[in-house]
N, C-alpha and C. Protein backbone atom coordinates (compact mmCIF):
# COMPACT_ATOMS: atom_id res chain seq x y z
N MET A 1 1.17 -1.51 -0.39
CA MET A 1 -0.13 -0.04 0.09
C MET A 1 0.71 1.13 -0.15
N VAL A 2 0.24 2.22 -0.66
CA VAL A 2 1.01 3.68 -0.83
C VAL A 2 -0.21 4.25 -0.08
N CYS A 3 1.26 5.63 0.77
CA CYS A 3 0.21 6.71 1.25
C CYS A 3 1.62 7.59 0.64
N HIS A 4 -0.05 8.64 0.53
CA HIS A 4 0.45 9.99 -0.28
C HIS A 4 0.17 11.22 0.62
N VAL A 5 0.69 11.83 1.53
CA VAL A 5 0.76 13.01 2.24
C VAL A 5 0.80 14.44 1.64
N VAL A 6 0.25 15.12 1.79
CA VAL A 6 0.57 16.52 1.31
C VAL A 6 0.13 18.03 1.88
N MET A 7 0.89 18.39 2.31
CA MET A 7 0.40 19.49 3.19
C MET A 7 0.55 20.81 2.54
N TRP A 8 -0.56 21.44 2.70
CA TRP A 8 -0.61 23.21 2.27
C TRP A 8 -0.83 24.30 3.25
N ASP A 9 -0.86 25.57 3.15
CA ASP A 9 -0.68 26.74 3.84
C ASP A 9 -1.33 27.79 2.70
N ILE A 10 -2.60 28.50 3.16
CA ILE A 10 -3.34 28.60 1.93
C ILE A 10 -2.75 30.24 2.40
N LYS A 11 -2.62 30.66 0.75
CA LYS A 11 -2.17 32.56 0.85
C LYS A 11 -3.61 33.23 1.83
N LYS A 12 -2.79 34.17 2.43
CA LYS A 12 -3.61 35.00 2.78
C LYS A 12 -4.23 36.01 1.90
N ASP A 13 -3.09 36.53 1.44
CA ASP A 13 -3.60 37.75 -0.09
C ASP A 13 -3.87 37.77 -1.30
N VAL A 14 -4.89 36.40 -1.30
CA VAL A 14 -5.61 35.73 -2.33
C VAL A 14 -6.56 36.55 -2.49
N THR A 15 -7.15 37.42 -3.61
CA THR A 15 -8.28 37.62 -4.36
C THR A 15 -9.10 36.67 -5.41
N PRO A 16 -10.37 36.80 -5.25
CA PRO A 16 -11.05 36.28 -3.77
C PRO A 16 -10.24 35.53 -2.28
N PRO A 17 -10.72 35.86 -1.44
CA PRO A 17 -9.97 34.97 -0.92
C PRO A 17 -10.99 33.13 -0.61
N VAL A 18 -9.46 32.54 -0.15
CA VAL A 18 -10.50 30.85 -0.74
C VAL A 18 -10.55 30.59 1.59
N SER A 19 -11.56 29.94 1.20
CA SER A 19 -11.46 29.08 2.98
C SER A 19 -10.91 27.72 3.14
N ALA A 20 -10.38 27.33 3.78
CA ALA A 20 -9.84 25.89 4.16
C ALA A 20 -10.83 24.93 3.91
N HIS A 21 -12.49 25.20 4.15
CA HIS A 21 -13.45 24.34 4.05
C HIS A 21 -14.07 24.37 2.57
N GLN A 22 -13.37 25.40 1.57
CA GLN A 22 -13.02 25.26 0.09
C GLN A 22 -12.50 24.38 -0.55
N ILE A 23 -11.14 24.48 0.01
CA ILE A 23 -10.46 23.83 -0.33
C ILE A 23 -10.48 22.04 -0.18
N LYS A 24 -11.02 21.57 0.75
CA LYS A 24 -11.32 20.46 1.14
C LYS A 24 -12.69 20.22 0.46
N ALA A 25 -13.48 20.72 0.38
CA ALA A 25 -14.61 20.59 -0.52
C ALA A 25 -14.18 19.84 -1.72
N ASN A 26 -12.99 20.65 -2.87
CA ASN A 26 -12.91 20.15 -3.89
C ASN A 26 -11.95 19.04 -3.81
N LEU A 27 -10.08 19.11 -2.95
CA LEU A 27 -10.26 18.03 -2.78
C LEU A 27 -11.16 16.59 -2.37
N GLU A 28 -11.95 16.56 -1.64
CA GLU A 28 -12.63 15.39 -1.56
C GLU A 28 -13.64 15.12 -2.65
N SER A 29 -13.83 16.22 -3.35
CA SER A 29 -15.05 15.71 -4.59
C SER A 29 -13.99 14.67 -5.44
N LEU A 30 -12.95 14.29 -5.48
CA LEU A 30 -11.72 13.06 -6.36
C LEU A 30 -11.99 11.78 -5.51
N LYS A 31 -12.85 11.89 -4.87
CA LYS A 31 -12.64 10.21 -4.21
C LYS A 31 -14.06 9.48 -4.99
N GLU A 32 -15.23 10.51 -5.78
CA GLU A 32 -15.80 9.90 -6.67
C GLU A 32 -15.58 9.54 -7.51
N LYS A 33 -14.28 10.39 -8.34
CA LYS A 33 -13.84 10.76 -9.61
C LYS A 33 -12.89 9.60 -9.85
N ILE A 34 -12.35 9.33 -8.75
CA ILE A 34 -10.73 8.52 -9.09
C ILE A 34 -11.21 7.07 -8.46
N GLY A 35 -11.18 6.24 -9.40
CA GLY A 35 -11.37 4.67 -9.05
C GLY A 35 -10.05 4.33 -7.85
N GLU A 36 -8.99 4.85 -8.81
CA GLU A 36 -7.21 3.70 -7.60
C GLU A 36 -7.26 4.47 -6.13
N ILE A 37 -8.66 5.59 -5.70
CA ILE A 37 -8.42 5.84 -4.46
C ILE A 37 -8.89 5.09 -3.59
N VAL A 38 -7.82 4.48 -3.03
CA VAL A 38 -8.27 3.39 -1.50
C VAL A 38 -9.25 4.24 -0.76
N SER A 39 -8.59 4.67 0.30
CA SER A 39 -8.87 5.82 1.23
C SER A 39 -8.41 7.41 1.06
N PHE A 40 -8.99 8.33 1.58
CA PHE A 40 -8.61 9.81 1.17
C PHE A 40 -9.35 10.80 2.33
N GLU A 41 -8.47 11.21 3.16
CA GLU A 41 -8.33 12.22 4.42
C GLU A 41 -7.78 13.50 4.00
N VAL A 42 -9.10 14.37 4.08
CA VAL A 42 -8.29 15.70 3.87
C VAL A 42 -8.85 16.36 5.27
N GLY A 43 -7.64 17.09 6.60
CA GLY A 43 -7.77 17.59 7.35
C GLY A 43 -7.14 19.16 7.55
N ILE A 44 -8.46 19.68 8.30
CA ILE A 44 -7.99 21.00 8.28
C ILE A 44 -7.43 21.44 9.94
N LYS A 45 -6.57 22.44 10.42
CA LYS A 45 -5.60 22.90 11.06
C LYS A 45 -6.65 22.90 12.48
N GLU A 46 -6.61 22.29 13.30
CA GLU A 46 -7.32 23.11 14.39
C GLU A 46 -6.86 23.29 15.49
N ARG A 47 -5.30 23.67 15.06
CA ARG A 47 -4.70 24.34 16.51
C ARG A 47 -3.55 24.52 15.75
N GLU A 48 -2.64 26.04 16.04
CA GLU A 48 -1.37 26.65 15.76
C GLU A 48 -0.33 25.13 16.27
N VAL A 49 0.97 24.86 15.43
CA VAL A 49 1.67 24.78 15.85
C VAL A 49 2.67 24.80 14.73
N ALA A 50 4.00 25.50 15.22
CA ALA A 50 5.23 26.17 14.88
C ALA A 50 5.48 25.41 13.26
N ALA A 51 5.35 24.59 12.99
CA ALA A 51 5.69 23.65 11.89
C ALA A 51 4.44 23.44 11.02
N GLY A 52 3.57 23.87 11.88
CA GLY A 52 2.05 23.27 11.43
C GLY A 52 1.60 23.79 9.89
N ALA A 53 0.74 23.12 9.06
CA ALA A 53 0.21 23.30 7.72
C ALA A 53 -1.30 23.66 7.98
N ASP A 54 -2.27 24.43 6.83
CA ASP A 54 -3.33 24.79 7.46
C ASP A 54 -3.70 23.40 6.56
N ILE A 55 -3.76 22.85 5.79
CA ILE A 55 -4.68 21.76 5.06
C ILE A 55 -3.08 20.16 4.65
N VAL A 56 -4.20 19.29 5.29
CA VAL A 56 -3.54 17.87 5.04
C VAL A 56 -4.33 16.96 4.18
N LEU A 57 -3.47 16.36 3.28
CA LEU A 57 -4.37 15.16 2.92
C LEU A 57 -3.65 13.71 3.05
N VAL A 58 -4.00 13.37 3.79
CA VAL A 58 -3.50 11.70 3.29
C VAL A 58 -4.71 10.65 2.95
N SER A 59 -3.74 9.70 1.55
CA SER A 59 -4.54 9.39 0.85
C SER A 59 -3.92 8.06 0.52
N TYR A 60 -4.40 7.19 0.59
CA TYR A 60 -3.86 5.58 -0.29
C TYR A 60 -4.21 5.21 -1.67
N PHE A 61 -3.40 4.12 -2.23
CA PHE A 61 -3.10 3.51 -2.96
C PHE A 61 -2.90 2.02 -3.15
N LYS A 62 -3.10 1.39 -4.27
CA LYS A 62 -2.59 -0.05 -3.77
C LYS A 62 -1.32 -0.13 -4.21
N THR A 63 -0.87 0.68 -5.26
CA THR A 63 0.62 0.95 -5.81
C THR A 63 0.95 2.36 -6.24
N PHE A 64 2.22 2.61 -7.08
CA PHE A 64 2.71 3.51 -7.05
C PHE A 64 2.45 4.08 -8.32
N GLU A 65 1.67 2.81 -9.54
CA GLU A 65 1.28 3.43 -10.56
C GLU A 65 -0.21 3.57 -10.44
N ASP A 66 -1.19 3.17 -9.56
CA ASP A 66 -2.40 3.60 -8.78
C ASP A 66 -1.94 5.39 -8.86
N LEU A 67 -0.73 5.70 -7.62
CA LEU A 67 -0.79 7.06 -7.54
C LEU A 67 -0.58 8.09 -8.33
N LYS A 68 0.97 7.51 -9.61
CA LYS A 68 0.55 8.20 -10.73
C LYS A 68 -0.58 8.65 -11.68
N SER A 69 -1.85 7.58 -11.74
CA SER A 69 -2.58 7.35 -12.42
C SER A 69 -3.33 8.42 -11.81
N TYR A 70 -3.70 8.57 -10.27
CA TYR A 70 -4.46 9.36 -9.80
C TYR A 70 -3.62 10.83 -10.02
N GLN A 71 -2.47 10.82 -9.91
CA GLN A 71 -2.60 12.49 -10.25
C GLN A 71 -2.13 12.97 -11.86
N GLU A 72 -2.46 12.11 -12.57
CA GLU A 72 -2.71 12.56 -14.22
C GLU A 72 -3.97 12.40 -14.37
N HIS A 73 -5.07 12.21 -13.45
CA HIS A 73 -6.44 12.12 -13.81
C HIS A 73 -6.98 13.58 -13.97
N PRO A 74 -7.27 13.59 -14.78
CA PRO A 74 -8.30 15.41 -15.23
C PRO A 74 -8.83 16.02 -13.89
N ALA A 75 -9.90 15.21 -13.30
CA ALA A 75 -10.24 15.82 -11.75
C ALA A 75 -9.45 15.97 -10.88
N HIS A 76 -7.59 15.36 -10.91
CA HIS A 76 -6.94 15.64 -10.23
C HIS A 76 -6.24 17.04 -10.35
N LEU A 77 -6.08 17.15 -11.85
CA LEU A 77 -5.48 18.75 -12.62
C LEU A 77 -5.90 19.47 -12.50
N GLU A 78 -7.60 19.59 -12.09
CA GLU A 78 -8.42 20.04 -12.13
C GLU A 78 -8.36 21.12 -10.58
N VAL A 79 -8.19 20.18 -10.01
CA VAL A 79 -8.63 20.11 -8.30
C VAL A 79 -6.61 21.13 -8.22
N VAL A 80 -5.55 20.59 -8.97
CA VAL A 80 -4.69 21.40 -8.74
C VAL A 80 -4.64 23.12 -9.06
N ALA A 81 -4.94 22.91 -10.32
CA ALA A 81 -5.07 24.24 -10.67
C ALA A 81 -6.01 25.23 -10.36
N PHE A 82 -7.07 25.09 -9.04
CA PHE A 82 -7.70 25.27 -8.08
C PHE A 82 -6.88 25.73 -6.94
N LEU A 83 -5.83 24.97 -7.06
CA LEU A 83 -5.12 25.36 -5.19
C LEU A 83 -3.82 26.52 -5.91
N ARG A 84 -3.22 25.76 -6.88
CA ARG A 84 -2.23 26.42 -7.43
C ARG A 84 -2.83 28.18 -7.31
N GLY A 85 -1.93 28.90 -6.63
CA GLY A 85 -1.89 30.77 -6.81
C GLY A 85 -3.16 30.65 -5.41
N ARG A 86 -3.67 29.88 -4.55
CA ARG A 86 -4.35 29.98 -3.56
C ARG A 86 -3.71 29.38 -2.19
N THR A 87 -2.84 28.48 -2.26
CA THR A 87 -1.98 27.69 -1.85
C THR A 87 -0.09 27.64 -1.66
N THR A 88 0.42 27.25 -0.33
CA THR A 88 1.52 27.34 -0.63
C THR A 88 1.66 25.87 -0.38
N LYS A 89 2.57 24.82 -0.98
CA LYS A 89 2.84 23.60 -0.71
C LYS A 89 3.92 23.75 0.31
N LYS A 90 3.94 22.65 1.44
CA LYS A 90 4.50 22.70 2.96
C LYS A 90 4.90 21.17 2.17
N GLY A 91 4.88 20.22 1.67
CA GLY A 91 5.25 19.22 1.98
C GLY A 91 4.54 18.04 1.19
N VAL A 92 5.68 16.93 0.47
CA VAL A 92 4.69 15.70 0.44
C VAL A 92 5.93 14.51 0.81
N VAL A 93 4.80 13.59 1.38
CA VAL A 93 5.92 12.41 1.38
C VAL A 93 5.15 11.67 0.80
N ASP A 94 5.71 10.49 0.09
CA ASP A 94 4.89 9.13 -0.46
C ASP A 94 5.80 8.01 0.17
N PHE A 95 5.57 6.99 0.81
CA PHE A 95 5.69 5.78 1.28
C PHE A 95 4.74 4.94 1.47
N THR A 96 5.60 3.90 1.25
CA THR A 96 4.86 1.74 1.29
C THR A 96 4.72 1.65 2.52
N ILE A 97 3.66 1.71 2.91
CA ILE A 97 3.30 0.74 3.77
C ILE A 97 2.14 -0.96 4.33
N ASP A 98 2.07 -1.19 5.28
CA ASP A 98 1.96 -2.30 5.06
C ASP A 98 0.66 -1.96 6.24
N LYS A 99 -0.35 -2.14 5.52
CA LYS A 99 -1.98 -2.02 6.31
C LYS A 99 -2.33 -2.82 5.94
N ASP A 100 -3.46 -3.42 6.71
CA ASP A 100 -4.53 -4.32 6.78
C ASP A 100 -5.71 -4.04 5.57
N SER A 101 -6.05 -4.54 5.05
CA SER A 101 -7.16 -5.25 4.46
C SER A 101 -8.42 -3.90 4.19
N SER A 102 -8.78 -3.32 5.77
CA SER A 102 -10.08 -2.63 6.13
C SER A 102 -9.69 -1.32 5.73
N LEU A 103 -8.54 -0.65 5.21
CA LEU A 103 -8.76 0.00 4.64
C LEU A 103 -9.37 0.25 2.60
N SER A 104 -9.50 -0.79 2.12
CA SER A 104 -10.05 -1.20 1.15
C SER A 104 -11.55 -1.40 1.29
N SER A 105 -12.25 -1.49 2.23
CA SER A 105 -13.85 -1.88 2.64
C SER A 105 -14.44 -0.75 2.65
């Protein structure tokens, strides 16, 4: 199983302003559109942490090939275009994990 984690900060000087909830809704819309997604969670910052981020995406895929298909999917590219200019990416980590089959149910 592949875990894909992405963190963003929301730009403060964007016109019109964008909220964390708008970003979360855009990201979560991908769940229904991209079949390669095994599990998908979007979190919004609930407390201030010095090295924290405003939004985090934690998603799971069966293989790195599935992750690549997700990243190249037109719906994903549309969300990337929405995020561009509204956020700054803080970090991305892709790694392999041993995960029980409960994620796929």
